[in-house]
């Protein structure tokens, strides 16, 4: 059985930083793509960043230069370092592993 678990969300002031982590267990193969998505009430879930097992990375334009995604292929983990956070980054952040596997989400709130 596959489990995807995120951690690291919380409340931070504008301009601050947070690091999200995600671990996938129960998967015996290298996950082709791992990524982070976010969703706010009434809006569709959107891609924040993704990384392939060969290191190809994509970022949403809104986070380029502020967020950094990284992964450990051997451990099936992916992290998202978020710097210079803005109130509009407030959302529930979800980790996605491969095509089918999602985490339960972790809340990120950027507010003074």
PDB file of N, CA and C in Angstrom:
ATOM      1  N   UNK A   1       0.844  -1.187   0.000  1.00  0.00           N
ATOM      2  CA  UNK A   1       0.000   0.000   0.000  1.00  0.00           C
ATOM      3  C   UNK A   1       0.883   1.242   0.000  1.00  0.00           C
ATOM      4  N   UNK A   2       0.495   2.205  -0.824  1.00  0.00           N
ATOM      5  CA  UNK A   2       1.290   3.415  -0.965  1.00  0.00           C
ATOM      6  C   UNK A   2       0.800   4.488  -0.002  1.00  0.00           C
ATOM      7  N   UNK A   3       1.747   5.130   0.652  1.00  0.00           N
ATOM      8  CA  UNK A   3       1.434   6.252   1.522  1.00  0.00           C
ATOM      9  C   UNK A   3       2.296   7.440   1.114  1.00  0.00           C
ATOM     10  N   UNK A   4       1.656   8.606   1.027  1.00  0.00           N
ATOM     11  CA  UNK A   4       2.362   9.849   0.736  1.00  0.00           C
ATOM     12  C   UNK A   4       2.065  10.814   1.871  1.00  0.00           C
ATOM     13  N   UNK A   5       3.095  11.257   2.554  1.00  0.00           N
ATOM     14  CA  UNK A   5       2.899  12.080   3.749  1.00  0.00           C
ATOM     15  C   UNK A   5       3.708  13.358   3.634  1.00  0.00           C
ATOM     16  N   UNK A   6       3.015  14.504   3.784  1.00  0.00           N
ATOM     17  CA  UNK A   6       3.685  15.803   3.774  1.00  0.00           C
ATOM     18  C   UNK A   6       3.908  16.284   5.202  1.00  0.00           C
ATOM     19  N   UNK A   7       4.867  17.167   5.351  1.00  0.00           N
ATOM     20  CA  UNK A   7       5.099  17.826   6.627  1.00  0.00           C
ATOM     21  C   UNK A   7       5.748  19.177   6.363  1.00  0.00           C
ATOM     22  N   UNK A   8       5.679  20.056   7.374  1.00  0.00           N
ATOM     23  CA  UNK A   8       6.403  21.320   7.292  1.00  0.00           C
ATOM     24  C   UNK A   8       5.555  22.546   7.081  1.00  0.00           C
ATOM     25  N   UNK A   9       4.250  22.412   6.955  1.00  0.00           N
ATOM     26  CA  UNK A   9       3.423  23.599   6.801  1.00  0.00           C
ATOM     27  C   UNK A   9       3.322  24.375   8.096  1.00  0.00           C
ATOM     28  N   UNK A  10       2.655  25.512   8.018  1.00  0.00           N
ATOM     29  CA  UNK A  10       2.484  26.322   9.209  1.00  0.00           C
ATOM     30  C   UNK A  10       2.183  27.758   8.887  1.00  0.00           C
ATOM     31  N   UNK A  11       2.318  28.604   9.903  1.00  0.00           N
ATOM     32  CA  UNK A  11       2.059  30.034   9.792  1.00  0.00           C
ATOM     33  C   UNK A  11       3.392  30.771   9.754  1.00  0.00           C
ATOM     34  N   UNK A  12       3.523  31.669   8.804  1.00  0.00           N
ATOM     35  CA  UNK A  12       4.764  32.438   8.680  1.00  0.00           C
ATOM     36  C   UNK A  12       4.421  33.863   8.245  1.00  0.00           C
ATOM     37  N   UNK A  13       5.245  34.801   8.640  1.00  0.00           N
ATOM     38  CA  UNK A  13       5.036  36.196   8.250  1.00  0.00           C
ATOM     39  C   UNK A  13       5.488  36.428   6.811  1.00  0.00           C
ATOM     40  N   UNK A  14       4.922  37.422   6.150  1.00  0.00           N
ATOM     41  CA  UNK A  14       5.402  37.758   4.802  1.00  0.00           C
ATOM     42  C   UNK A  14       6.905  37.998   4.793  1.00  0.00           C
ATOM     43  N   UNK A  15       7.554  37.458   3.779  1.00  0.00           N
ATOM     44  CA  UNK A  15       9.003  37.547   3.689  1.00  0.00           C
ATOM     45  C   UNK A  15       9.735  36.390   4.346  1.00  0.00           C
ATOM     46  N   UNK A  16       9.009  35.575   5.074  1.00  0.00           N
ATOM     47  CA  UNK A  16       9.615  34.450   5.771  1.00  0.00           C
ATOM     48  C   UNK A  16       9.798  33.233   4.894  1.00  0.00           C
ATOM     49  N   UNK A  17      10.246  32.154   5.525  1.00  0.00           N
ATOM     50  CA  UNK A  17      10.547  30.911   4.795  1.00  0.00           C
ATOM     51  C   UNK A  17       9.912  29.717   5.486  1.00  0.00           C
ATOM     52  N   UNK A  18       9.613  28.715   4.676  1.00  0.00           N
ATOM     53  CA  UNK A  18       9.157  27.414   5.162  1.00  0.00           C
ATOM     54  C   UNK A  18       9.742  26.348   4.253  1.00  0.00           C
ATOM     55  N   UNK A  19       9.894  25.172   4.816  1.00  0.00           N
ATOM     56  CA  UNK A  19      10.343  24.038   4.019  1.00  0.00           C
ATOM     57  C   UNK A  19       9.329  22.907   4.165  1.00  0.00           C
ATOM     58  N   UNK A  20       8.791  22.472   3.033  1.00  0.00           N
ATOM     59  CA  UNK A  20       7.874  21.347   3.013  1.00  0.00           C
ATOM     60  C   UNK A  20       8.627  20.085   2.610  1.00  0.00           C
ATOM     61  N   UNK A  21       8.246  18.994   3.244  1.00  0.00           N
ATOM     62  CA  UNK A  21       8.844  17.703   2.915  1.00  0.00           C
ATOM     63  C   UNK A  21       7.758  16.688   2.626  1.00  0.00           C
ATOM     64  N   UNK A  22       8.089  15.734   1.786  1.00  0.00           N
ATOM     65  CA  UNK A  22       7.134  14.697   1.407  1.00  0.00           C
ATOM     66  C   UNK A  22       7.878  13.379   1.266  1.00  0.00           C
ATOM     67  N   UNK A  23       7.301  12.345   1.846  1.00  0.00           N
ATOM     68  CA  UNK A  23       7.892  11.012   1.749  1.00  0.00           C
ATOM     69  C   UNK A  23       6.855  10.037   1.240  1.00  0.00           C
ATOM     70  N   UNK A  24       7.248   9.243   0.251  1.00  0.00           N
ATOM     71  CA  UNK A  24       6.376   8.210  -0.299  1.00  0.00           C
ATOM     72  C   UNK A  24       6.896   6.850   0.135  1.00  0.00           C
ATOM     73  N   UNK A  25       6.020   6.057   0.714  1.00  0.00           N
ATOM     74  CA  UNK A  25       6.400   4.714   1.141  1.00  0.00           C
ATOM     75  C   UNK A  25       5.525   3.688   0.435  1.00  0.00           C
ATOM     76  N   UNK A  26       6.028   2.455   0.388  1.00  0.00           N
ATOM     77  CA  UNK A  26       5.278   1.393  -0.257  1.00  0.00           C
ATOM     78  C   UNK A  26       5.470   1.345  -1.756  1.00  0.00           C
ATOM     79  N   UNK A  27       6.392   2.182  -2.266  1.00  0.00           N
ATOM     80  CA  UNK A  27       6.665   2.217  -3.704  1.00  0.00           C
ATOM     81  C   UNK A  27       8.047   1.621  -3.924  1.00  0.00           C
ATOM     82  N   UNK A  28       8.135   0.630  -4.779  1.00  0.00           N
ATOM     83  CA  UNK A  28       9.403  -0.083  -4.943  1.00  0.00           C
ATOM     84  C   UNK A  28      10.157   0.353  -6.189  1.00  0.00           C
ATOM     85  N   UNK A  29       9.572   1.262  -6.962  1.00  0.00           N
ATOM     86  CA  UNK A  29      10.242   1.712  -8.167  1.00  0.00           C
ATOM     87  C   UNK A  29      10.552   3.198  -8.039  1.00  0.00           C
ATOM     88  N   UNK A  30      11.422   3.695  -8.911  1.00  0.00           N
ATOM     89  CA  UNK A  30      11.739   5.110  -8.909  1.00  0.00           C
ATOM     90  C   UNK A  30      10.567   5.888  -9.505  1.00  0.00           C
ATOM     91  N   UNK A  31      10.055   6.839  -8.779  1.00  0.00           N
ATOM     92  CA  UNK A  31       8.904   7.612  -9.216  1.00  0.00           C
ATOM     93  C   UNK A  31       9.337   8.579 -10.314  1.00  0.00           C
ATOM     94  N   UNK A  32       8.719   8.521 -11.490  1.00  0.00           N
ATOM     95  CA  UNK A  32       9.172   9.371 -12.596  1.00  0.00           C
ATOM     96  C   UNK A  32       9.147  10.865 -12.255  1.00  0.00           C
ATOM     97  N   UNK A  33       8.040  11.340 -11.739  1.00  0.00           N
ATOM     98  CA  UNK A  33       7.916  12.759 -11.425  1.00  0.00           C
ATOM     99  C   UNK A  33       7.287  12.925 -10.050  1.00  0.00           C
ATOM    100  N   UNK A  34       7.845  13.834  -9.283  1.00  0.00           N
ATOM    101  CA  UNK A  34       7.280  14.214  -7.985  1.00  0.00           C
ATOM    102  C   UNK A  34       7.054  15.711  -8.023  1.00  0.00           C
ATOM    103  N   UNK A  35       6.012  16.150  -7.357  1.00  0.00           N
ATOM    104  CA  UNK A  35       5.735  17.576  -7.439  1.00  0.00           C
ATOM    105  C   UNK A  35       4.905  18.082  -6.290  1.00  0.00           C
ATOM    106  N   UNK A  36       4.798  19.392  -6.255  1.00  0.00           N
ATOM    107  CA  UNK A  36       3.987  20.099  -5.263  1.00  0.00           C
ATOM    108  C   UNK A  36       2.908  20.895  -5.979  1.00  0.00           C
ATOM    109  N   UNK A  37       1.699  20.800  -5.469  1.00  0.00           N
ATOM    110  CA  UNK A  37       0.564  21.554  -5.959  1.00  0.00           C
ATOM    111  C   UNK A  37      -0.016  22.329  -4.793  1.00  0.00           C
ATOM    112  N   UNK A  38      -0.836  23.319  -5.094  1.00  0.00           N
ATOM    113  CA  UNK A  38      -1.518  24.052  -4.025  1.00  0.00           C
ATOM    114  C   UNK A  38      -2.926  24.400  -4.447  1.00  0.00           C
ATOM    115  N   UNK A  39      -3.757  24.591  -3.453  1.00  0.00           N
ATOM    116  CA  UNK A  39      -5.169  24.879  -3.724  1.00  0.00           C
ATOM    117  C   UNK A  39      -5.713  25.803  -2.649  1.00  0.00           C
ATOM    118  N   UNK A  40      -6.483  26.787  -3.101  1.00  0.00           N
ATOM    119  CA  UNK A  40      -7.211  27.676  -2.204  1.00  0.00           C
ATOM    120  C   UNK A  40      -8.703  27.465  -2.447  1.00  0.00           C
ATOM    121  N   UNK A  41      -9.530  27.836  -1.475  1.00  0.00           N
ATOM    122  CA  UNK A  41     -10.978  27.599  -1.605  1.00  0.00           C
ATOM    123  C   UNK A  41     -11.548  28.218  -2.874  1.00  0.00           C
ATOM    124  N   UNK A  42     -12.316  27.439  -3.597  1.00  0.00           N
ATOM    125  CA  UNK A  42     -12.974  27.930  -4.789  1.00  0.00           C
ATOM    126  C   UNK A  42     -12.123  27.935  -6.036  1.00  0.00           C
ATOM    127  N   UNK A  43     -10.878  27.510  -5.913  1.00  0.00           N
ATOM    128  CA  UNK A  43      -9.978  27.506  -7.068  1.00  0.00           C
ATOM    129  C   UNK A  43      -9.489  26.092  -7.357  1.00  0.00           C
ATOM    130  N   UNK A  44      -9.050  25.901  -8.600  1.00  0.00           N
ATOM    131  CA  UNK A  44      -8.496  24.609  -8.976  1.00  0.00           C
ATOM    132  C   UNK A  44      -7.110  24.425  -8.374  1.00  0.00           C
ATOM    133  N   UNK A  45      -6.783  23.181  -8.162  1.00  0.00           N
ATOM    134  CA  UNK A  45      -5.444  22.867  -7.692  1.00  0.00           C
ATOM    135  C   UNK A  45      -4.446  23.205  -8.800  1.00  0.00           C
ATOM    136  N   UNK A  46      -3.353  23.867  -8.433  1.00  0.00           N
ATOM    137  CA  UNK A  46      -2.387  24.304  -9.433  1.00  0.00           C
ATOM    138  C   UNK A  46      -0.997  23.777  -9.129  1.00  0.00           C
ATOM    139  N   UNK A  47      -0.242  23.558 -10.187  1.00  0.00           N
ATOM    140  CA  UNK A  47       1.129  23.105 -10.032  1.00  0.00           C
ATOM    141  C   UNK A  47       1.991  24.229  -9.481  1.00  0.00           C
ATOM    142  N   UNK A  48       2.778  23.900  -8.474  1.00  0.00           N
ATOM    143  CA  UNK A  48       3.761  24.840  -7.932  1.00  0.00           C
ATOM    144  C   UNK A  48       5.143  24.524  -8.505  1.00  0.00           C
ATOM    145  N   UNK A  49       5.541  23.270  -8.396  1.00  0.00           N
ATOM    146  CA  UNK A  49       6.845  22.845  -8.909  1.00  0.00           C
ATOM    147  C   UNK A  49       6.849  21.339  -9.071  1.00  0.00           C
ATOM    148  N   UNK A  50       7.620  20.865 -10.031  1.00  0.00           N
ATOM    149  CA  UNK A  50       7.765  19.424 -10.224  1.00  0.00           C
ATOM    150  C   UNK A  50       9.199  19.108 -10.592  1.00  0.00           C
ATOM    151  N   UNK A  51       9.586  17.860 -10.316  1.00  0.00           N
ATOM    152  CA  UNK A  51      10.951  17.428 -10.613  1.00  0.00           C
ATOM    153  C   UNK A  51      10.907  15.971 -11.044  1.00  0.00           C
ATOM    154  N   UNK A  52      11.584  15.673 -12.144  1.00  0.00           N
ATOM    155  CA  UNK A  52      11.639  14.293 -12.628  1.00  0.00           C
ATOM    156  C   UNK A  52      12.792  13.551 -11.960  1.00  0.00           C
ATOM    157  N   UNK A  53      12.816  12.239 -12.149  1.00  0.00           N
ATOM    158  CA  UNK A  53      13.902  11.470 -11.537  1.00  0.00           C
ATOM    159  C   UNK A  53      15.236  11.695 -12.244  1.00  0.00           C
ATOM    160  N   UNK A  54      15.215  12.391 -13.390  1.00  0.00           N
ATOM    161  CA  UNK A  54      16.461  12.768 -14.062  1.00  0.00           C
ATOM    162  C   UNK A  54      16.849  14.214 -13.753  1.00  0.00           C
ATOM    163  N   UNK A  55      16.029  14.884 -12.951  1.00  0.00           N
ATOM    164  CA  UNK A  55      16.387  16.231 -12.510  1.00  0.00           C
ATOM    165  C   UNK A  55      15.760  17.374 -13.278  1.00  0.00           C
ATOM    166  N   UNK A  56      14.882  17.078 -14.221  1.00  0.00           N
ATOM    167  CA  UNK A  56      14.192  18.162 -14.927  1.00  0.00           C
ATOM    168  C   UNK A  56      13.182  18.825 -13.995  1.00  0.00           C
ATOM    169  N   UNK A  57      13.225  20.148 -13.943  1.00  0.00           N
ATOM    170  CA  UNK A  57      12.421  20.908 -12.982  1.00  0.00           C
ATOM    171  C   UNK A  57      11.535  21.917 -13.700  1.00  0.00           C
ATOM    172  N   UNK A  58      10.317  22.041 -13.203  1.00  0.00           N
ATOM    173  CA  UNK A  58       9.396  23.074 -13.669  1.00  0.00           C
ATOM    174  C   UNK A  58       8.861  23.843 -12.479  1.00  0.00           C
ATOM    175  N   UNK A  59       8.732  25.145 -12.639  1.00  0.00           N
ATOM    176  CA  UNK A  59       8.154  26.004 -11.609  1.00  0.00           C
ATOM    177  C   UNK A  59       7.013  26.813 -12.206  1.00  0.00           C
ATOM    178  N   UNK A  60       6.000  27.072 -11.387  1.00  0.00           N
ATOM    179  CA  UNK A  60       5.003  28.067 -11.767  1.00  0.00           C
ATOM    180  C   UNK A  60       5.684  29.426 -11.807  1.00  0.00           C
ATOM    181  N   UNK A  61       5.242  30.269 -12.728  1.00  0.00           N
ATOM    182  CA  UNK A  61       5.864  31.593 -12.856  1.00  0.00           C
ATOM    183  C   UNK A  61       5.809  32.375 -11.551  1.00  0.00           C
ATOM    184  N   UNK A  62       4.738  32.173 -10.799  1.00  0.00           N
ATOM    185  CA  UNK A  62       4.533  32.952  -9.583  1.00  0.00           C
ATOM    186  C   UNK A  62       5.538  32.625  -8.476  1.00  0.00           C
ATOM    187  N   UNK A  63       6.245  31.499  -8.590  1.00  0.00           N
ATOM    188  CA  UNK A  63       7.178  31.114  -7.514  1.00  0.00           C
ATOM    189  C   UNK A  63       8.631  31.076  -7.981  1.00  0.00           C
ATOM    190  N   UNK A  64       8.872  31.299  -9.250  1.00  0.00           N
ATOM    191  CA  UNK A  64      10.245  31.273  -9.773  1.00  0.00           C
ATOM    192  C   UNK A  64      11.125  32.271  -9.036  1.00  0.00           C
ATOM    193  N   UNK A  65      12.307  31.804  -8.648  1.00  0.00           N
ATOM    194  CA  UNK A  65      13.244  32.656  -7.930  1.00  0.00           C
ATOM    195  C   UNK A  65      13.020  32.687  -6.421  1.00  0.00           C
ATOM    196  N   UNK A  66      11.895  32.137  -5.977  1.00  0.00           N
ATOM    197  CA  UNK A  66      11.597  32.130  -4.527  1.00  0.00           C
ATOM    198  C   UNK A  66      11.538  30.717  -3.959  1.00  0.00           C
ATOM    199  N   UNK A  67      11.049  29.781  -4.746  1.00  0.00           N
ATOM    200  CA  UNK A  67      10.888  28.394  -4.287  1.00  0.00           C
ATOM    201  C   UNK A  67      11.922  27.504  -4.969  1.00  0.00           C
ATOM    202  N   UNK A  68      12.367  26.477  -4.251  1.00  0.00           N
ATOM    203  CA  UNK A  68      13.311  25.508  -4.808  1.00  0.00           C
ATOM    204  C   UNK A  68      12.835  24.103  -4.471  1.00  0.00           C
ATOM    205  N   UNK A  69      12.704  23.273  -5.503  1.00  0.00           N
ATOM    206  CA  UNK A  69      12.300  21.886  -5.304  1.00  0.00           C
ATOM    207  C   UNK A  69      13.523  20.989  -5.418  1.00  0.00           C
ATOM    208  N   UNK A  70      13.530  19.938  -4.610  1.00  0.00           N
ATOM    209  CA  UNK A  70      14.614  18.964  -4.661  1.00  0.00           C
ATOM    210  C   UNK A  70      14.055  17.595  -4.284  1.00  0.00           C
ATOM    211  N   UNK A  71      14.781  16.553  -4.648  1.00  0.00           N
ATOM    212  CA  UNK A  71      14.318  15.202  -4.336  1.00  0.00           C
ATOM    213  C   UNK A  71      15.495  14.286  -4.059  1.00  0.00           C
ATOM    214  N   UNK A  72      15.179  13.198  -3.357  1.00  0.00           N
ATOM    215  CA  UNK A  72      16.133  12.133  -3.111  1.00  0.00           C
ATOM    216  C   UNK A  72      15.543  10.874  -3.738  1.00  0.00           C
ATOM    217  N   UNK A  73      16.076  10.474  -4.867  1.00  0.00           N
ATOM    218  CA  UNK A  73      15.505   9.352  -5.594  1.00  0.00           C
ATOM    219  C   UNK A  73      15.572   8.050  -4.798  1.00  0.00           C
ATOM    220  N   UNK A  74      16.648   7.876  -4.069  1.00  0.00           N
ATOM    221  CA  UNK A  74      16.822   6.632  -3.324  1.00  0.00           C
ATOM    222  C   UNK A  74      15.779   6.491  -2.218  1.00  0.00           C
ATOM    223  N   UNK A  75      15.359   7.617  -1.662  1.00  0.00           N
ATOM    224  CA  UNK A  75      14.425   7.589  -0.535  1.00  0.00           C
ATOM    225  C   UNK A  75      12.995   7.920  -0.944  1.00  0.00           C
ATOM    226  N   UNK A  76      12.789   8.246  -2.223  1.00  0.00           N
ATOM    227  CA  UNK A  76      11.458   8.665  -2.689  1.00  0.00           C
ATOM    228  C   UNK A  76      10.915   9.815  -1.840  1.00  0.00           C
ATOM    229  N   UNK A  77      11.737  10.821  -1.666  1.00  0.00           N
ATOM    230  CA  UNK A  77      11.315  12.016  -0.945  1.00  0.00           C
ATOM    231  C   UNK A  77      11.487  13.241  -1.837  1.00  0.00           C
ATOM    232  N   UNK A  78      10.670  14.241  -1.583  1.00  0.00           N
ATOM    233  CA  UNK A  78      10.764  15.498  -2.315  1.00  0.00           C
ATOM    234  C   UNK A  78      10.531  16.633  -1.326  1.00  0.00           C
ATOM    235  N   UNK A  79      11.249  17.720  -1.509  1.00  0.00           N
ATOM    236  CA  UNK A  79      11.142  18.872  -0.613  1.00  0.00           C
ATOM    237  C   UNK A  79      10.891  20.137  -1.415  1.00  0.00           C
ATOM    238  N   UNK A  80      10.322  21.115  -0.747  1.00  0.00           N
ATOM    239  CA  UNK A  80      10.076  22.414  -1.365  1.00  0.00           C
ATOM    240  C   UNK A  80      10.522  23.484  -0.381  1.00  0.00           C
ATOM    241  N   UNK A  81      11.598  24.169  -0.716  1.00  0.00           N
ATOM    242  CA  UNK A  81      12.066  25.296   0.084  1.00  0.00           C
ATOM    243  C   UNK A  81      11.386  26.549  -0.417  1.00  0.00           C
ATOM    244  N   UNK A  82      10.662  27.209   0.448  1.00  0.00           N
ATOM    245  CA  UNK A  82       9.884  28.392   0.067  1.00  0.00           C
ATOM    246  C   UNK A  82      10.445  29.603   0.794  1.00  0.00           C
ATOM    247  N   UNK A  83      10.985  30.537   0.041  1.00  0.00           N
ATOM    248  CA  UNK A  83      11.540  31.771   0.597  1.00  0.00           C
ATOM    249  C   UNK A  83      10.741  32.974   0.122  1.00  0.00           C
ATOM    250  N   UNK A  84      10.936  34.079   0.788  1.00  0.00           N
ATOM    251  CA  UNK A  84      10.262  35.337   0.417  1.00  0.00           C
ATOM    252  C   UNK A  84       8.762  35.115   0.237  1.00  0.00           C
ATOM    253  N   UNK A  85       8.178  34.452   1.202  1.00  0.00           N
ATOM    254  CA  UNK A  85       6.767  34.097   1.089  1.00  0.00           C
ATOM    255  C   UNK A  85       5.872  35.327   1.095  1.00  0.00           C
ATOM    256  N   UNK A  86       4.781  35.210   0.332  1.00  0.00           N
ATOM    257  CA  UNK A  86       3.809  36.288   0.191  1.00  0.00           C
ATOM    258  C   UNK A  86       2.445  35.803   0.672  1.00  0.00           C
ATOM    259  N   UNK A  87       1.573  36.728   1.039  1.00  0.00           N
ATOM    260  CA  UNK A  87       0.227  36.297   1.453  1.00  0.00           C
ATOM    261  C   UNK A  87      -0.484  35.464   0.384  1.00  0.00           C
ATOM    262  N   UNK A  88      -0.216  35.753  -0.868  1.00  0.00           N
ATOM    263  CA  UNK A  88      -0.879  34.993  -1.930  1.00  0.00           C
ATOM    264  C   UNK A  88      -0.343  33.571  -2.072  1.00  0.00           C
ATOM    265  N   UNK A  89       0.681  33.225  -1.332  1.00  0.00           N
ATOM    266  CA  UNK A  89       1.157  31.836  -1.288  1.00  0.00           C
ATOM    267  C   UNK A  89       0.344  30.988  -0.316  1.00  0.00           C
ATOM    268  N   UNK A  90      -0.531  31.630   0.432  1.00  0.00           N
ATOM    269  CA  UNK A  90      -1.375  30.899   1.379  1.00  0.00           C
ATOM    270  C   UNK A  90      -2.249  29.901   0.648  1.00  0.00           C
ATOM    271  N   UNK A  91      -2.181  28.641   1.064  1.00  0.00           N
ATOM    272  CA  UNK A  91      -2.925  27.562   0.398  1.00  0.00           C
ATOM    273  C   UNK A  91      -2.674  26.261   1.140  1.00  0.00           C
ATOM    274  N   UNK A  92      -3.423  25.251   0.750  1.00  0.00           N
ATOM    275  CA  UNK A  92      -3.086  23.894   1.148  1.00  0.00           C
ATOM    276  C   UNK A  92      -2.157  23.333   0.078  1.00  0.00           C
ATOM    277  N   UNK A  93      -1.021  22.844   0.501  1.00  0.00           N
ATOM    278  CA  UNK A  93      -0.015  22.321  -0.417  1.00  0.00           C
ATOM    279  C   UNK A  93      -0.069  20.795  -0.404  1.00  0.00           C
ATOM    280  N   UNK A  94      -0.104  20.237  -1.603  1.00  0.00           N
ATOM    281  CA  UNK A  94      -0.205  18.788  -1.766  1.00  0.00           C
ATOM    282  C   UNK A  94       1.024  18.253  -2.490  1.00  0.00           C
ATOM    283  N   UNK A  95       1.487  17.122  -2.045  1.00  0.00           N
ATOM    284  CA  UNK A  95       2.569  16.408  -2.717  1.00  0.00           C
ATOM    285  C   UNK A  95       1.958  15.366  -3.651  1.00  0.00           C
ATOM    286  N   UNK A  96       2.494  15.289  -4.849  1.00  0.00           N
ATOM    287  CA  UNK A  96       2.041  14.292  -5.816  1.00  0.00           C
ATOM    288  C   UNK A  96       3.228  13.430  -6.242  1.00  0.00           C
ATOM    289  N   UNK A  97       3.022  12.123  -6.178  1.00  0.00           N
ATOM    290  CA  UNK A  97       4.074  11.185  -6.558  1.00  0.00           C
ATOM    291  C   UNK A  97       3.595  10.356  -7.738  1.00  0.00           C
ATOM    292  N   UNK A  98       4.265  10.523  -8.872  1.00  0.00           N
ATOM    293  CA  UNK A  98       3.838   9.820 -10.067  1.00  0.00           C
ATOM    294  C   UNK A  98       2.524  10.401 -10.569  1.00  0.00           C
ATOM    295  N   UNK A  99       1.693   9.535 -11.117  1.00  0.00           N
ATOM    296  CA  UNK A  99       0.431   9.967 -11.715  1.00  0.00           C
ATOM    297  C   UNK A  99      -0.725   9.884 -10.726  1.00  0.00           C
ATOM    298  N   UNK A 100      -0.656   8.940  -9.823  1.00  0.00           N
ATOM    299  CA  UNK A 100      -1.856   8.620  -9.041  1.00  0.00           C
ATOM    300  C   UNK A 100      -1.812   8.970  -7.559  1.00  0.00           C
ATOM    301  N   UNK A 101      -0.652   9.162  -7.005  1.00  0.00           N
ATOM    302  CA  UNK A 101      -0.533   9.182  -5.546  1.00  0.00           C
ATOM    303  C   UNK A 101      -0.383  10.602  -5.008  1.00  0.00           C
ATOM    304  N   UNK A 102      -1.324  10.961  -4.125  1.00  0.00           N
ATOM    305  CA  UNK A 102      -1.350  12.288  -3.520  1.00  0.00           C
ATOM    306  C   UNK A 102      -1.224  12.171  -2.006  1.00  0.00           C
ATOM    307  N   UNK A 103      -0.631  13.196  -1.414  1.00  0.00           N
ATOM    308  CA  UNK A 103      -0.660  13.314   0.024  1.00  0.00           C
ATOM    309  C   UNK A 103      -1.954  13.952   0.484  1.00  0.00           C
ATOM    310  N   UNK A 104      -2.071  14.088   1.817  1.00  0.00           N
ATOM    311  CA  UNK A 104      -3.319  14.612   2.388  1.00  0.00           C
ATOM    312  C   UNK A 104      -3.344  16.132   2.421  1.00  0.00           C
ATOM    313  N   UNK A 105      -2.213  16.758   2.176  1.00  0.00           N
ATOM    314  CA  UNK A 105      -2.134  18.212   2.158  1.00  0.00           C
ATOM    315  C   UNK A 105      -1.634  18.779   3.465  1.00  0.00           C
ATOM    316  N   UNK A 106      -0.953  19.912   3.358  1.00  0.00           N
ATOM    317  CA  UNK A 106      -0.480  20.626   4.538  1.00  0.00           C
ATOM    318  C   UNK A 106      -0.745  22.115   4.342  1.00  0.00           C
ATOM    319  N   UNK A 107      -1.256  22.753   5.373  1.00  0.00           N
ATOM    320  CA  UNK A 107      -1.650  24.162   5.270  1.00  0.00           C
ATOM    321  C   UNK A 107      -0.438  25.073   5.408  1.00  0.00           C
ATOM    322  N   UNK A 108      -0.331  26.018   4.494  1.00  0.00           N
ATOM    323  CA  UNK A 108       0.660  27.091   4.579  1.00  0.00           C
ATOM    324  C   UNK A 108      -0.102  28.406   4.636  1.00  0.00           C
ATOM    325  N   UNK A 109       0.137  29.174   5.676  1.00  0.00           N
ATOM    326  CA  UNK A 109      -0.516  30.469   5.846  1.00  0.00           C
ATOM    327  C   UNK A 109       0.546  31.540   5.997  1.00  0.00           C
ATOM    328  N   UNK A 110       0.477  32.530   5.123  1.00  0.00           N
ATOM    329  CA  UNK A 110       1.424  33.648   5.160  1.00  0.00           C
ATOM    330  C   UNK A 110       0.640  34.890   5.565  1.00  0.00           C
ATOM    331  N   UNK A 111       0.893  35.347   6.758  1.00  0.00           N
ATOM    332  CA  UNK A 111       0.120  36.453   7.299  1.00  0.00           C
ATOM    333  C   UNK A 111       0.893  37.135   8.408  1.00  0.00           C
ATOM    334  N   UNK A 112       0.674  38.449   8.526  1.00  0.00           N
ATOM    335  CA  UNK A 112       1.289  39.186   9.622  1.00  0.00           C
ATOM    336  C   UNK A 112       0.333  39.264  10.806  1.00  0.00           C
TER     337      UNK A 112
END
